[in-house]
Amino acid sequence: MSIVLQCIEYLLGRLLYRRRAYDFDLFHNCAAFSEHPRPSIPITSPDCGSTGARLAHEYSKFGSGRFPQLEWKASDIPPSTKELLLLCEDPDAPLGHSNVHGIYASIPPQVTSFGPKDIELVDKVDGVSKIASSYRVGKNRRDVVYVAPRPPLGHGPHRYLFELVALSEKLDPSKISAVPEKREIEKAIEQKVVGWGLWESTYENVWSWKRAKTE
């Protein structure tokens, strides 16, 4: 991106600075979580740190777009869990709602980690992404497996929330789209949530003369 375009983006980012914090639209604030309003499954990241970590350059769109390695303990997953799902979103995008970066469903309950290798793209047929882990991939704004952080220049730090949800029943593939959207998932998991965990990180697109000269 040229210096001129960076200047324009920076000015727009500053103008839209107050358009953020759409926490009301976060996945865990939908009706399905009414009986479990607080996270109960601790999640850590061996390569990024504990929740609240600041993501390094390599985890952004400007780097390699690496997905953070996430881990949790089997003992923290409710015994009644039949399936897990993971959703990543950014409530600080200036869109008027939380921005979905990735949805991954049909995760077996015995799984205790999720990372870059799980989302490696194997194939894409009729718009449906097949990944190495065989988990079901949901829809985001880019129609890709995962959208790495790329907040607007000058818009300040954005939060990226990774929400792991334990379900008492498996999602019925015949009742949701081949590439399910967030709203669809919210309805599908009603009365099925038995617990959930949250790992939060931040990333800010900071002005860089060095990057402006090389892009």
N, C-alpha and C. Protein backbone atom coordinates (compact mmCIF):
# COMPACT_ATOMS: atom_id res chain seq x y z
N MET A 1 0.84 -1.19 0.00
CA MET A 1 0.00 0.00 0.00
C MET A 1 0.88 1.24 0.00
N SER A 2 0.59 2.21 -0.86
CA SER A 2 1.39 3.42 -0.96
C SER A 2 1.19 4.30 0.27
N ILE A 3 2.11 5.25 0.46
CA ILE A 3 2.02 6.17 1.59
C ILE A 3 0.73 6.99 1.52
N VAL A 4 0.35 7.39 0.31
CA VAL A 4 -0.88 8.17 0.13
C VAL A 4 -2.11 7.38 0.60
N LEU A 5 -2.19 6.12 0.19
CA LEU A 5 -3.32 5.28 0.60
C LEU A 5 -3.31 5.03 2.10
N GLN A 6 -2.11 4.89 2.66
CA GLN A 6 -2.02 4.70 4.11
C GLN A 6 -2.52 5.94 4.84
N CYS A 7 -2.20 7.12 4.31
CA CYS A 7 -2.66 8.37 4.93
C CYS A 7 -4.18 8.44 4.91
N ILE A 8 -4.77 8.07 3.77
CA ILE A 8 -6.23 8.08 3.64
C ILE A 8 -6.86 7.10 4.62
N GLU A 9 -6.28 5.89 4.69
CA GLU A 9 -6.82 4.88 5.61
C GLU A 9 -6.69 5.35 7.05
N TYR A 10 -5.57 5.98 7.38
CA TYR A 10 -5.35 6.47 8.74
C TYR A 10 -6.40 7.52 9.12
N LEU A 11 -6.66 8.45 8.21
CA LEU A 11 -7.65 9.49 8.47
C LEU A 11 -9.04 8.89 8.67
N LEU A 12 -9.39 7.91 7.83
CA LEU A 12 -10.68 7.24 7.97
C LEU A 12 -10.76 6.49 9.29
N GLY A 13 -9.64 5.85 9.65
CA GLY A 13 -9.59 5.11 10.91
C GLY A 13 -9.83 6.01 12.11
N ARG A 14 -9.25 7.22 12.06
CA ARG A 14 -9.44 8.17 13.16
C ARG A 14 -10.89 8.68 13.20
N LEU A 15 -11.44 8.94 12.01
CA LEU A 15 -12.82 9.42 11.93
C LEU A 15 -13.82 8.39 12.47
N LEU A 16 -13.50 7.12 12.25
CA LEU A 16 -14.39 6.04 12.68
C LEU A 16 -14.00 5.45 14.04
N TYR A 17 -13.10 6.11 14.74
CA TYR A 17 -12.54 5.54 15.97
C TYR A 17 -13.62 5.14 16.98
N ARG A 18 -14.66 5.93 17.10
CA ARG A 18 -15.70 5.64 18.10
C ARG A 18 -16.65 4.53 17.67
N ARG A 19 -16.54 4.11 16.44
CA ARG A 19 -17.37 2.98 15.98
C ARG A 19 -16.66 1.68 16.36
N ARG A 20 -16.93 1.21 17.56
CA ARG A 20 -16.28 0.01 18.11
C ARG A 20 -17.09 -0.51 19.28
N ALA A 21 -16.58 -1.58 19.88
CA ALA A 21 -17.19 -2.15 21.09
C ALA A 21 -18.64 -2.59 20.88
N TYR A 22 -18.87 -3.38 19.83
CA TYR A 22 -20.21 -3.93 19.58
C TYR A 22 -20.36 -5.26 20.33
N ASP A 23 -20.10 -5.18 21.64
CA ASP A 23 -20.13 -6.38 22.47
C ASP A 23 -21.51 -7.02 22.56
N PHE A 24 -22.55 -6.21 22.35
CA PHE A 24 -23.91 -6.75 22.40
C PHE A 24 -24.12 -7.84 21.36
N ASP A 25 -23.31 -7.80 20.30
CA ASP A 25 -23.47 -8.74 19.19
C ASP A 25 -22.53 -9.94 19.29
N LEU A 26 -21.76 -10.03 20.37
CA LEU A 26 -20.85 -11.17 20.52
C LEU A 26 -21.63 -12.48 20.61
N PHE A 27 -21.04 -13.53 20.11
CA PHE A 27 -21.66 -14.85 20.06
C PHE A 27 -22.17 -15.27 21.43
N HIS A 28 -21.33 -15.10 22.47
CA HIS A 28 -21.73 -15.57 23.80
C HIS A 28 -22.78 -14.69 24.47
N ASN A 29 -23.21 -13.64 23.80
CA ASN A 29 -24.28 -12.80 24.33
C ASN A 29 -25.64 -13.11 23.70
N CYS A 30 -25.70 -14.15 22.87
CA CYS A 30 -26.98 -14.51 22.26
C CYS A 30 -27.80 -15.34 23.25
N ALA A 31 -29.06 -15.57 22.93
CA ALA A 31 -30.00 -16.24 23.84
C ALA A 31 -29.57 -17.65 24.25
N ALA A 32 -28.81 -18.32 23.41
CA ALA A 32 -28.40 -19.69 23.69
C ALA A 32 -27.53 -19.81 24.94
N PHE A 33 -26.91 -18.68 25.36
CA PHE A 33 -26.02 -18.70 26.52
C PHE A 33 -26.70 -18.18 27.79
N SER A 34 -28.00 -18.04 27.77
CA SER A 34 -28.73 -17.45 28.90
C SER A 34 -28.51 -18.19 30.22
N GLU A 35 -28.34 -19.50 30.16
CA GLU A 35 -28.12 -20.27 31.39
C GLU A 35 -26.65 -20.39 31.75
N HIS A 36 -25.79 -19.91 30.86
CA HIS A 36 -24.34 -19.96 31.11
C HIS A 36 -23.72 -18.63 30.69
N PRO A 37 -24.02 -17.56 31.42
CA PRO A 37 -23.54 -16.23 31.04
C PRO A 37 -22.04 -16.02 31.24
N ARG A 38 -21.40 -16.86 32.06
CA ARG A 38 -19.97 -16.69 32.34
C ARG A 38 -19.16 -17.86 31.77
N PRO A 39 -17.95 -17.59 31.28
CA PRO A 39 -17.10 -18.68 30.76
C PRO A 39 -16.68 -19.61 31.88
N SER A 40 -16.64 -20.90 31.60
CA SER A 40 -16.30 -21.90 32.61
C SER A 40 -15.16 -22.83 32.16
N ILE A 41 -14.68 -22.63 30.93
CA ILE A 41 -13.60 -23.47 30.40
C ILE A 41 -12.37 -22.60 30.16
N PRO A 42 -11.35 -22.68 31.01
CA PRO A 42 -10.14 -21.87 30.82
C PRO A 42 -9.41 -22.27 29.54
N ILE A 43 -9.00 -21.29 28.76
CA ILE A 43 -8.27 -21.53 27.51
C ILE A 43 -6.95 -20.77 27.56
N THR A 44 -5.89 -21.42 27.14
CA THR A 44 -4.58 -20.77 27.09
C THR A 44 -3.99 -20.93 25.69
N SER A 45 -2.94 -20.18 25.44
CA SER A 45 -2.23 -20.28 24.16
C SER A 45 -0.74 -20.42 24.45
N PRO A 46 -0.16 -21.59 24.16
CA PRO A 46 1.26 -21.80 24.44
C PRO A 46 2.19 -20.88 23.64
N ASP A 47 1.73 -20.39 22.50
CA ASP A 47 2.60 -19.52 21.70
C ASP A 47 2.28 -18.03 21.84
N CYS A 48 1.10 -17.69 22.37
CA CYS A 48 0.74 -16.28 22.50
C CYS A 48 0.61 -15.83 23.95
N GLY A 49 0.30 -16.76 24.85
CA GLY A 49 0.16 -16.40 26.25
C GLY A 49 -1.27 -16.56 26.75
N SER A 50 -1.53 -16.01 27.92
CA SER A 50 -2.85 -16.12 28.52
C SER A 50 -3.83 -15.15 27.87
N THR A 51 -5.09 -15.25 28.24
CA THR A 51 -6.10 -14.38 27.65
C THR A 51 -5.74 -12.92 27.88
N GLY A 52 -6.00 -12.09 26.89
CA GLY A 52 -5.60 -10.69 26.94
C GLY A 52 -4.28 -10.42 26.24
N ALA A 53 -3.70 -11.46 25.65
CA ALA A 53 -2.40 -11.33 24.99
C ALA A 53 -2.46 -10.41 23.78
N ARG A 54 -1.35 -9.76 23.52
CA ARG A 54 -1.23 -8.92 22.33
C ARG A 54 -0.63 -9.77 21.21
N LEU A 55 -1.33 -9.89 20.10
CA LEU A 55 -0.86 -10.73 19.00
C LEU A 55 0.35 -10.11 18.30
N ALA A 56 1.31 -10.95 17.99
CA ALA A 56 2.50 -10.51 17.26
C ALA A 56 2.18 -10.35 15.77
N HIS A 57 3.09 -9.72 15.05
CA HIS A 57 2.92 -9.42 13.62
C HIS A 57 2.56 -10.66 12.81
N GLU A 58 3.17 -11.79 13.11
CA GLU A 58 2.95 -13.00 12.31
C GLU A 58 1.52 -13.51 12.36
N TYR A 59 0.76 -13.11 13.37
CA TYR A 59 -0.63 -13.56 13.50
C TYR A 59 -1.61 -12.64 12.77
N SER A 60 -1.09 -11.59 12.17
CA SER A 60 -1.93 -10.62 11.47
C SER A 60 -1.94 -10.87 9.97
N LYS A 61 -2.78 -10.14 9.27
CA LYS A 61 -2.86 -10.21 7.81
C LYS A 61 -1.57 -9.70 7.18
N PHE A 62 -0.85 -8.86 7.92
CA PHE A 62 0.40 -8.30 7.41
C PHE A 62 1.55 -9.30 7.53
N GLY A 63 1.38 -10.29 8.41
CA GLY A 63 2.37 -11.34 8.56
C GLY A 63 1.90 -12.57 7.81
N SER A 64 2.05 -13.73 8.43
CA SER A 64 1.63 -14.97 7.78
C SER A 64 0.17 -15.31 8.06
N GLY A 65 -0.47 -14.53 8.94
CA GLY A 65 -1.88 -14.80 9.27
C GLY A 65 -2.05 -16.06 10.09
N ARG A 66 -1.05 -16.40 10.87
CA ARG A 66 -1.06 -17.62 11.67
C ARG A 66 -2.20 -17.63 12.69
N PHE A 67 -2.86 -18.76 12.81
CA PHE A 67 -3.93 -18.94 13.79
C PHE A 67 -3.28 -19.26 15.13
N PRO A 68 -3.66 -18.60 16.22
CA PRO A 68 -3.07 -18.88 17.54
C PRO A 68 -3.33 -20.33 17.96
N GLN A 69 -2.34 -20.96 18.54
CA GLN A 69 -2.52 -22.30 19.08
C GLN A 69 -3.29 -22.18 20.39
N LEU A 70 -4.41 -22.86 20.51
CA LEU A 70 -5.23 -22.79 21.71
C LEU A 70 -5.30 -24.15 22.39
N GLU A 71 -5.34 -24.14 23.72
CA GLU A 71 -5.40 -25.39 24.47
C GLU A 71 -6.32 -25.26 25.68
N TRP A 72 -6.91 -26.36 26.09
CA TRP A 72 -7.75 -26.42 27.27
C TRP A 72 -7.67 -27.82 27.85
N LYS A 73 -8.14 -28.01 29.07
CA LYS A 73 -8.05 -29.31 29.72
C LYS A 73 -9.33 -30.12 29.53
N ALA A 74 -9.16 -31.41 29.34
CA ALA A 74 -10.31 -32.30 29.17
C ALA A 74 -11.19 -32.29 30.41
N SER A 75 -10.57 -32.12 31.58
CA SER A 75 -11.32 -32.12 32.84
C SER A 75 -12.24 -30.91 32.98
N ASP A 76 -12.00 -29.87 32.17
CA ASP A 76 -12.84 -28.67 32.24
C ASP A 76 -14.03 -28.73 31.29
N ILE A 77 -14.05 -29.74 30.43
CA ILE A 77 -15.17 -29.91 29.52
C ILE A 77 -16.29 -30.66 30.25
N PRO A 78 -17.51 -30.12 30.28
CA PRO A 78 -18.62 -30.79 30.98
C PRO A 78 -18.81 -32.22 30.48
N PRO A 79 -19.06 -33.17 31.39
CA PRO A 79 -19.23 -34.59 31.01
C PRO A 79 -20.34 -34.82 29.99
N SER A 80 -21.34 -33.95 29.99
CA SER A 80 -22.48 -34.13 29.08
C SER A 80 -22.20 -33.63 27.66
N THR A 81 -20.99 -33.13 27.43
CA THR A 81 -20.65 -32.56 26.12
C THR A 81 -20.60 -33.64 25.03
N LYS A 82 -21.30 -33.38 23.95
CA LYS A 82 -21.30 -34.30 22.80
C LYS A 82 -20.52 -33.72 21.61
N GLU A 83 -20.31 -32.41 21.65
CA GLU A 83 -19.63 -31.76 20.54
C GLU A 83 -19.15 -30.37 20.97
N LEU A 84 -18.07 -29.91 20.34
CA LEU A 84 -17.54 -28.57 20.59
C LEU A 84 -17.62 -27.75 19.32
N LEU A 85 -17.66 -26.45 19.50
CA LEU A 85 -17.52 -25.57 18.33
C LEU A 85 -16.71 -24.35 18.76
N LEU A 86 -16.04 -23.75 17.80
CA LEU A 86 -15.18 -22.60 18.08
C LEU A 86 -15.52 -21.47 17.13
N LEU A 87 -15.65 -20.27 17.67
CA LEU A 87 -15.94 -19.11 16.85
C LEU A 87 -14.99 -17.98 17.22
N CYS A 88 -14.45 -17.31 16.21
CA CYS A 88 -13.56 -16.18 16.43
C CYS A 88 -14.21 -14.93 15.85
N GLU A 89 -14.22 -13.84 16.63
CA GLU A 89 -14.84 -12.60 16.14
C GLU A 89 -14.17 -11.36 16.73
N ASP A 90 -14.40 -10.24 16.05
CA ASP A 90 -13.83 -8.94 16.42
C ASP A 90 -14.98 -7.96 16.66
N PRO A 91 -15.24 -7.59 17.93
CA PRO A 91 -16.34 -6.67 18.22
C PRO A 91 -15.99 -5.20 17.99
N ASP A 92 -14.75 -4.93 17.62
CA ASP A 92 -14.30 -3.54 17.45
C ASP A 92 -14.23 -3.08 16.01
N ALA A 93 -14.59 -3.95 15.07
CA ALA A 93 -14.63 -3.54 13.66
C ALA A 93 -15.73 -2.48 13.49
N PRO A 94 -15.48 -1.42 12.72
CA PRO A 94 -16.46 -0.32 12.57
C PRO A 94 -17.60 -0.66 11.61
N LEU A 95 -18.28 -1.76 11.90
CA LEU A 95 -19.32 -2.27 11.00
C LEU A 95 -20.73 -2.17 11.58
N GLY A 96 -20.81 -1.83 12.87
CA GLY A 96 -22.11 -1.80 13.51
C GLY A 96 -22.49 -3.12 14.15
N HIS A 97 -21.62 -4.11 13.99
CA HIS A 97 -21.83 -5.43 14.58
C HIS A 97 -20.48 -6.12 14.70
N SER A 98 -20.45 -7.22 15.43
CA SER A 98 -19.21 -7.98 15.59
C SER A 98 -18.85 -8.67 14.27
N ASN A 99 -17.57 -8.66 13.93
CA ASN A 99 -17.11 -9.22 12.66
C ASN A 99 -16.57 -10.64 12.86
N VAL A 100 -17.19 -11.61 12.22
CA VAL A 100 -16.77 -13.01 12.34
C VAL A 100 -15.51 -13.28 11.53
N HIS A 101 -14.51 -13.89 12.17
CA HIS A 101 -13.26 -14.24 11.49
C HIS A 101 -13.16 -15.73 11.21
N GLY A 102 -13.90 -16.54 11.96
CA GLY A 102 -13.85 -17.98 11.72
C GLY A 102 -14.88 -18.73 12.54
N ILE A 103 -15.48 -19.75 11.94
CA ILE A 103 -16.43 -20.63 12.64
C ILE A 103 -16.03 -22.07 12.34
N TYR A 104 -15.90 -22.88 13.40
CA TYR A 104 -15.48 -24.28 13.24
C TYR A 104 -16.38 -25.16 14.11
N ALA A 105 -17.16 -26.01 13.47
CA ALA A 105 -18.13 -26.84 14.17
C ALA A 105 -17.79 -28.32 14.03
N SER A 106 -18.57 -29.15 14.72
CA SER A 106 -18.39 -30.61 14.68
C SER A 106 -17.03 -31.05 15.21
N ILE A 107 -16.58 -30.40 16.29
CA ILE A 107 -15.32 -30.77 16.94
C ILE A 107 -15.62 -31.82 18.01
N PRO A 108 -14.99 -32.99 17.98
CA PRO A 108 -15.24 -34.04 18.97
C PRO A 108 -14.97 -33.54 20.39
N PRO A 109 -15.74 -33.98 21.38
CA PRO A 109 -15.61 -33.49 22.76
C PRO A 109 -14.28 -33.83 23.43
N GLN A 110 -13.57 -34.84 22.93
CA GLN A 110 -12.30 -35.22 23.55
C GLN A 110 -11.13 -34.36 23.07
N VAL A 111 -11.35 -33.52 22.09
CA VAL A 111 -10.30 -32.65 21.57
C VAL A 111 -9.94 -31.59 22.61
N THR A 112 -8.63 -31.35 22.81
CA THR A 112 -8.19 -30.38 23.82
C THR A 112 -7.27 -29.31 23.25
N SER A 113 -7.23 -29.18 21.95
CA SER A 113 -6.41 -28.12 21.34
C SER A 113 -6.94 -27.77 19.96
N PHE A 114 -6.56 -26.59 19.50
CA PHE A 114 -6.96 -26.13 18.18
C PHE A 114 -5.89 -25.16 17.71
N GLY A 115 -5.42 -25.37 16.47
CA GLY A 115 -4.34 -24.52 15.99
C GLY A 115 -4.22 -24.47 14.48
N PRO A 116 -3.12 -23.93 13.99
CA PRO A 116 -2.90 -23.74 12.55
C PRO A 116 -3.07 -24.99 11.70
N LYS A 117 -2.59 -26.12 12.21
CA LYS A 117 -2.67 -27.36 11.42
C LYS A 117 -4.11 -27.82 11.21
N ASP A 118 -4.96 -27.48 12.17
CA ASP A 118 -6.37 -27.91 12.07
C ASP A 118 -7.11 -27.22 10.93
N ILE A 119 -6.69 -26.01 10.59
CA ILE A 119 -7.44 -25.25 9.58
C ILE A 119 -6.74 -25.22 8.22
N GLU A 120 -5.75 -26.06 8.03
CA GLU A 120 -5.09 -26.12 6.72
C GLU A 120 -6.10 -26.55 5.66
N LEU A 121 -6.21 -25.78 4.60
CA LEU A 121 -7.18 -26.06 3.54
C LEU A 121 -6.73 -27.25 2.70
N VAL A 122 -7.60 -28.24 2.59
CA VAL A 122 -7.33 -29.44 1.80
C VAL A 122 -7.98 -29.33 0.42
N ASP A 123 -9.22 -28.81 0.43
CA ASP A 123 -9.96 -28.69 -0.84
C ASP A 123 -11.13 -27.73 -0.63
N LYS A 124 -11.69 -27.26 -1.72
CA LYS A 124 -12.88 -26.42 -1.66
C LYS A 124 -13.79 -26.81 -2.81
N VAL A 125 -14.96 -27.32 -2.46
CA VAL A 125 -15.91 -27.82 -3.46
C VAL A 125 -17.25 -27.12 -3.30
N ASP A 126 -17.72 -26.48 -4.35
CA ASP A 126 -19.00 -25.78 -4.32
C ASP A 126 -19.10 -24.80 -3.16
N GLY A 127 -17.99 -24.12 -2.87
CA GLY A 127 -17.98 -23.12 -1.82
C GLY A 127 -17.77 -23.65 -0.43
N VAL A 128 -17.66 -24.97 -0.29
CA VAL A 128 -17.46 -25.59 1.02
C VAL A 128 -15.98 -25.93 1.22
N SER A 129 -15.38 -25.35 2.24
CA SER A 129 -13.96 -25.59 2.52
C SER A 129 -13.77 -26.88 3.31
N LYS A 130 -12.86 -27.71 2.84
CA LYS A 130 -12.49 -28.94 3.54
C LYS A 130 -11.13 -28.69 4.19
N ILE A 131 -11.05 -28.85 5.51
CA ILE A 131 -9.79 -28.61 6.20
C ILE A 131 -9.22 -29.90 6.78
N ALA A 132 -7.94 -29.85 7.15
CA ALA A 132 -7.20 -31.04 7.58
C ALA A 132 -7.86 -31.76 8.75
N SER A 133 -8.46 -31.03 9.66
CA SER A 133 -9.09 -31.63 10.84
C SER A 133 -10.45 -32.24 10.56
N SER A 134 -11.01 -31.95 9.39
CA SER A 134 -12.35 -32.40 9.00
C SER A 134 -13.47 -31.70 9.76
N TYR A 135 -13.14 -30.66 10.53
CA TYR A 135 -14.18 -29.90 11.20
C TYR A 135 -14.97 -29.11 10.16
N ARG A 136 -16.19 -28.78 10.51
CA ARG A 136 -17.05 -28.03 9.59
C ARG A 136 -16.71 -26.54 9.66
N VAL A 137 -16.53 -25.92 8.50
CA VAL A 137 -16.15 -24.51 8.44
C VAL A 137 -17.37 -23.64 8.15
N GLY A 138 -17.55 -22.61 8.99
CA GLY A 138 -18.65 -21.69 8.80
C GLY A 138 -18.27 -20.49 7.95
N LYS A 139 -19.18 -19.57 7.82
CA LYS A 139 -19.01 -18.42 6.94
C LYS A 139 -18.44 -17.19 7.65
N ASN A 140 -17.55 -16.49 6.95
CA ASN A 140 -17.10 -15.17 7.39
C ASN A 140 -17.18 -14.22 6.20
N ARG A 141 -16.80 -12.97 6.41
CA ARG A 141 -16.96 -11.94 5.36
C ARG A 141 -16.13 -12.22 4.11
N ARG A 142 -15.05 -12.97 4.25
CA ARG A 142 -14.17 -13.22 3.12
C ARG A 142 -14.41 -14.56 2.44
N ASP A 143 -15.30 -15.36 3.01
CA ASP A 143 -15.56 -16.70 2.48
C ASP A 143 -14.29 -17.54 2.40
N VAL A 144 -13.47 -17.44 3.44
CA VAL A 144 -12.25 -18.24 3.55
C VAL A 144 -12.32 -19.01 4.87
N VAL A 145 -11.33 -19.86 5.12
CA VAL A 145 -11.32 -20.66 6.35
C VAL A 145 -11.14 -19.77 7.58
N TYR A 146 -10.24 -18.80 7.48
CA TYR A 146 -9.94 -17.92 8.61
C TYR A 146 -9.46 -16.57 8.11
N VAL A 147 -9.99 -15.51 8.69
CA VAL A 147 -9.57 -14.15 8.35
C VAL A 147 -8.65 -13.66 9.46
N ALA A 148 -7.38 -13.45 9.15
CA ALA A 148 -6.42 -12.98 10.14
C ALA A 148 -6.71 -11.51 10.48
N PRO A 149 -6.32 -11.06 11.67
CA PRO A 149 -6.56 -9.68 12.07
C PRO A 149 -5.97 -8.67 11.09
N ARG A 150 -6.79 -7.68 10.73
CA ARG A 150 -6.33 -6.61 9.85
C ARG A 150 -7.20 -5.38 10.13
N PRO A 151 -7.08 -4.82 11.36
CA PRO A 151 -7.90 -3.65 11.70
C PRO A 151 -7.47 -2.43 10.88
N PRO A 152 -8.37 -1.48 10.67
CA PRO A 152 -8.01 -0.28 9.91
C PRO A 152 -6.89 0.51 10.59
N LEU A 153 -6.02 1.05 9.80
CA LEU A 153 -4.94 1.89 10.31
C LEU A 153 -5.54 3.11 11.02
N GLY A 154 -5.06 3.39 12.22
CA GLY A 154 -5.55 4.55 12.96
C GLY A 154 -6.80 4.29 13.77
N HIS A 155 -7.33 3.07 13.72
CA HIS A 155 -8.56 2.76 14.44
C HIS A 155 -8.31 2.24 15.84
N GLY A 156 -7.05 2.15 16.23
CA GLY A 156 -6.72 1.68 17.57
C GLY A 156 -6.72 0.17 17.68
N PRO A 157 -6.46 -0.35 18.87
CA PRO A 157 -6.42 -1.80 19.07
C PRO A 157 -7.80 -2.44 18.94
N HIS A 158 -7.82 -3.62 18.32
CA HIS A 158 -9.05 -4.40 18.22
C HIS A 158 -8.91 -5.65 19.07
N ARG A 159 -10.02 -6.11 19.61
CA ARG A 159 -10.04 -7.36 20.38
C ARG A 159 -10.47 -8.51 19.47
N TYR A 160 -9.82 -9.63 19.66
CA TYR A 160 -10.17 -10.84 18.89
C TYR A 160 -10.52 -11.92 19.89
N LEU A 161 -11.79 -12.32 19.89
CA LEU A 161 -12.29 -13.28 20.86
C LEU A 161 -12.45 -14.65 20.23
N PHE A 162 -11.88 -15.64 20.89
CA PHE A 162 -11.99 -17.04 20.46
C PHE A 162 -12.87 -17.74 21.49
N GLU A 163 -14.09 -18.11 21.08
CA GLU A 163 -15.09 -18.67 21.99
C GLU A 163 -15.29 -20.16 21.72
N LEU A 164 -14.94 -20.98 22.70
CA LEU A 164 -15.12 -22.43 22.60
C LEU A 164 -16.41 -22.79 23.32
N VAL A 165 -17.30 -23.50 22.64
CA VAL A 165 -18.61 -23.81 23.21
C VAL A 165 -18.83 -25.32 23.29
N ALA A 166 -19.25 -25.78 24.48
CA ALA A 166 -19.55 -27.19 24.69
C ALA A 166 -21.06 -27.39 24.52
N LEU A 167 -21.43 -28.36 23.68
CA LEU A 167 -22.84 -28.62 23.38
C LEU A 167 -23.29 -29.98 23.90
N SER A 168 -24.51 -30.03 24.39
CA SER A 168 -25.06 -31.29 24.91
C SER A 168 -25.56 -32.19 23.79
N GLU A 169 -25.70 -31.64 22.59
CA GLU A 169 -26.13 -32.41 21.42
C GLU A 169 -25.28 -32.01 20.22
N LYS A 170 -25.09 -32.94 19.30
CA LYS A 170 -24.38 -32.62 18.07
C LYS A 170 -25.29 -31.78 17.17
N LEU A 171 -24.68 -30.89 16.41
CA LEU A 171 -25.46 -30.12 15.44
C LEU A 171 -25.89 -31.04 14.31
N ASP A 172 -27.14 -30.96 13.95
CA ASP A 172 -27.68 -31.79 12.87
C ASP A 172 -27.32 -31.16 11.53
N PRO A 173 -26.44 -31.80 10.75
CA PRO A 173 -26.01 -31.25 9.46
C PRO A 173 -27.16 -30.95 8.50
N SER A 174 -28.24 -31.71 8.64
CA SER A 174 -29.37 -31.53 7.73
C SER A 174 -30.21 -30.30 8.07
N LYS A 175 -29.94 -29.71 9.25
CA LYS A 175 -30.73 -28.57 9.68
C LYS A 175 -29.99 -27.24 9.60
N ILE A 176 -28.74 -27.29 9.13
CA ILE A 176 -27.98 -26.05 8.94
C ILE A 176 -27.35 -26.06 7.55
N SER A 177 -26.96 -24.91 7.08
CA SER A 177 -26.37 -24.79 5.75
C SER A 177 -25.03 -25.50 5.66
N ALA A 178 -24.60 -25.78 4.45
CA ALA A 178 -23.30 -26.41 4.24
C ALA A 178 -22.19 -25.53 4.78
N VAL A 179 -22.39 -24.21 4.68
CA VAL A 179 -21.45 -23.23 5.24
C VAL A 179 -22.28 -22.33 6.16
N PRO A 180 -22.51 -22.76 7.39
CA PRO A 180 -23.42 -22.03 8.29
C PRO A 180 -22.91 -20.66 8.72
N GLU A 181 -23.82 -19.71 8.81
CA GLU A 181 -23.51 -18.38 9.28
C GLU A 181 -23.70 -18.31 10.80
N LYS A 182 -23.18 -17.25 11.39
CA LYS A 182 -23.24 -17.08 12.84
C LYS A 182 -24.68 -17.11 13.35
N ARG A 183 -25.59 -16.37 12.72
CA ARG A 183 -26.98 -16.32 13.18
C ARG A 183 -27.63 -17.70 13.15
N GLU A 184 -27.28 -18.44 12.14
CA GLU A 184 -27.82 -19.79 11.98
C GLU A 184 -27.33 -20.69 13.12
N ILE A 185 -26.05 -20.56 13.45
CA ILE A 185 -25.47 -21.34 14.54
C ILE A 185 -26.11 -20.94 15.87
N GLU A 186 -26.33 -19.65 16.06
CA GLU A 186 -26.94 -19.17 17.30
C GLU A 186 -28.28 -19.85 17.57
N LYS A 187 -29.08 -19.99 16.53
CA LYS A 187 -30.38 -20.64 16.68
C LYS A 187 -30.24 -22.15 16.87
N ALA A 188 -29.27 -22.73 16.16
CA ALA A 188 -29.08 -24.18 16.20
C ALA A 188 -28.61 -24.69 17.56
N ILE A 189 -27.93 -23.82 18.34
CA ILE A 189 -27.39 -24.28 19.62
C ILE A 189 -28.28 -23.91 20.81
N GLU A 190 -29.43 -23.33 20.56
CA GLU A 190 -30.33 -22.99 21.67
C GLU A 190 -30.69 -24.24 22.47
N GLN A 191 -30.59 -24.10 23.81
CA GLN A 191 -30.86 -25.18 24.76
C GLN A 191 -29.85 -26.33 24.64
N LYS A 192 -28.71 -26.07 24.04
CA LYS A 192 -27.68 -27.10 23.91
C LYS A 192 -26.36 -26.71 24.59
N VAL A 193 -26.21 -25.45 24.97
CA VAL A 193 -24.96 -24.99 25.58
C VAL A 193 -24.85 -25.47 27.02
N VAL A 194 -23.75 -26.16 27.34
CA VAL A 194 -23.53 -26.65 28.71
C VAL A 194 -22.28 -26.04 29.33
N GLY A 195 -21.60 -25.20 28.57
CA GLY A 195 -20.40 -24.54 29.07
C GLY A 195 -19.65 -23.89 27.92
N TRP A 196 -18.77 -22.96 28.25
CA TRP A 196 -17.98 -22.32 27.20
C TRP A 196 -16.74 -21.67 27.79
N GLY A 197 -15.78 -21.41 26.90
CA GLY A 197 -14.54 -20.78 27.32
C GLY A 197 -14.19 -19.63 26.39
N LEU A 198 -13.35 -18.73 26.89
CA LEU A 198 -12.99 -17.55 26.11
C LEU A 198 -11.50 -17.27 26.20
N TRP A 199 -10.88 -17.08 25.03
CA TRP A 199 -9.50 -16.59 24.97
C TRP A 199 -9.53 -15.31 24.14
N GLU A 200 -9.09 -14.23 24.76
CA GLU A 200 -9.15 -12.93 24.10
C GLU A 200 -7.74 -12.41 23.81
N SER A 201 -7.59 -11.79 22.66
CA SER A 201 -6.30 -11.21 22.27
C SER A 201 -6.55 -9.84 21.64
N THR A 202 -5.49 -9.08 21.44
CA THR A 202 -5.62 -7.77 20.81
C THR A 202 -4.58 -7.61 19.71
N TYR A 203 -4.92 -6.77 18.75
CA TYR A 203 -3.96 -6.42 17.69
C TYR A 203 -4.29 -5.02 17.20
N GLU A 204 -3.23 -4.22 16.96
CA GLU A 204 -3.41 -2.86 16.45
C GLU A 204 -2.58 -2.66 15.20
N ASN A 205 -3.18 -2.06 14.21
CA ASN A 205 -2.49 -1.72 12.96
C ASN A 205 -1.84 -0.35 13.16
N VAL A 206 -0.56 -0.37 13.46
CA VAL A 206 0.17 0.86 13.78
C VAL A 206 0.89 1.40 12.55
N TRP A 207 0.91 2.73 12.42
CA TRP A 207 1.60 3.38 11.30
C TRP A 207 3.06 2.96 11.24
N SER A 208 3.51 2.58 10.06
CA SER A 208 4.91 2.17 9.89
C SER A 208 5.45 2.73 8.58
N TRP A 209 6.38 3.68 8.66
CA TRP A 209 7.00 4.24 7.45
C TRP A 209 7.76 3.16 6.70
N LYS A 210 8.36 2.26 7.46
CA LYS A 210 9.13 1.19 6.83
C LYS A 210 8.23 0.32 5.97
N ARG A 211 7.05 -0.05 6.51
CA ARG A 211 6.13 -0.89 5.75
C ARG A 211 5.56 -0.13 4.56
N ALA A 212 5.30 1.17 4.75
CA ALA A 212 4.74 1.99 3.68
C ALA A 212 5.68 2.05 2.48
N LYS A 213 6.97 2.01 2.74
CA LYS A 213 7.95 2.10 1.66
C LYS A 213 8.13 0.78 0.92
N THR A 214 7.75 -0.33 1.59
CA THR A 214 7.97 -1.64 0.98
C THR A 214 6.72 -2.22 0.36
N GLU A 215 5.55 -1.69 0.72
CA GLU A 215 4.30 -2.26 0.20
C GLU A 215 3.92 -1.61 -1.13
